[in-house]
């Protein structure tokens, strides 16, 4: 593209070079054929990887493999077609645009959905031919259609909601963030380990259709049920995207916007905790960390994405966030606890009333629980303050991954001692659900006390290590 003339603003219709530049940019827009090819390739690779992992018996790392192929395909092809690879994503974009926000016209949605569905069927037939067998689509043994459907709805919602926030929201598009592919892929890790034990973890109509068609000899029809729930999740994502980002729809942000953000983020976090525990996941801590990472990237610029009363207390105690008043912090904590309890009731419903207890694990003692929860809640809160609050050590693109990784650290390190709650909203949710099976709610208060101590300690240490953030520059002193 030729640069505009020195005297031209670069936006003049009378300037020949500017006109040529605009025509060159317009000509560089990928054609619909290129976009469809990109969608076919990305969707094919995703679903082929799903099948190979299932038929190859990769139980522990399957979700990571599937999430990884989604991530690399998004980074490789997002600039061509948008990297949807999922009819639910395309439908969410269509609904958003129809409501006056960012998105995609319905004609393109229809074309994309058709290409994605064809790619899903082709990929499923290919992996079936490769392995000489296929696998059927249905709820896991012991679960009904509505249990599986709810899992598909909630995690399709999560996936499409994260897509809208990290890849379609005007602010993130303008800033050209580089974490969008990671955030989207991590929703697969969040859902596959927990919800996958109930529904199989499709979260994508093209996946459901491909699996069902390729295994038609074993029975056909479940894809219809799955797709309905997935599309409802997609519609819910579009509506709540408008709620948390009213400015993208020519509206105005309100205090309620931030509370909805905190509720949603905490809800998905605690839901993932419960489904992983009850589903006896082999990678529970990593799955939970992935859910936190994705929701932080999605909502960090909406409410700050605390999703944890201990984090809110740590930020308030640090004194580095003037907008977080004690009253606002209290409202955040209320929304977080409400989200945690609602999520706990949801996972209990999905698992037909099953819950799990909060308290020392195995032969651990309450003293051990206290030490474990204080230290690793400290780690979590200190990292939040360091990578998301401090101007000196702020991580502009990796903040979500850094914070989420604290859950991986703590979950595996002390899961065998305290369970690794590290969050009063998690503790309240677990204890509230367990009361239906004879549990005691007071345990949540004990855990929360330890976690708040960890958060307060993090704020104190942060003030010492990051005093440079508030130091008066030398030039101001000399002046």
Foldseek 3Di string as FASTA:
>chain_A
DDDFDPVDPLDDPPGPVSVVVVVVVVVPQADPVQLLVLLLVLLLQLLLLLFCCVLVVVQACSLVSSLVSLLVSCVVCCSRNNSPLFLLLQVLQCVLVVLQFHHDHPVSSVSSVVSSLVSLQVSLLVSCVVSVHADAFDWAPPFDLVLLLVLLLQLLLLLNLLSCQCPPPPVNVVVVFPCSSLLNSLSSLLRCQQSCLTGVRDSGLSSLSNRQVSVVVVPHDSSVSSVVSSNNSSNVSSVLSCLLCVVSNVDDADLVSLLSLLLSLLLSLLLSLWRNVVSVGPQSLSSSLSSQLNSCSRCCVRNNSQLFLLLLLLVVLLVQDVVSDPVSSVSSVVSSLVSLQVSLVSSCVSVVNDADAFDFADPADLVQLLVLLLVLLLVLNLLSCQQPRFPVRHDPRCSSVSNSVSSVVSCVPCCRTGNRQSGLSSLQNRQNSCVVVVHDNCSSVSSVVSSNNSSNVSSVVCCVVRVVSVDDDPVVVVD
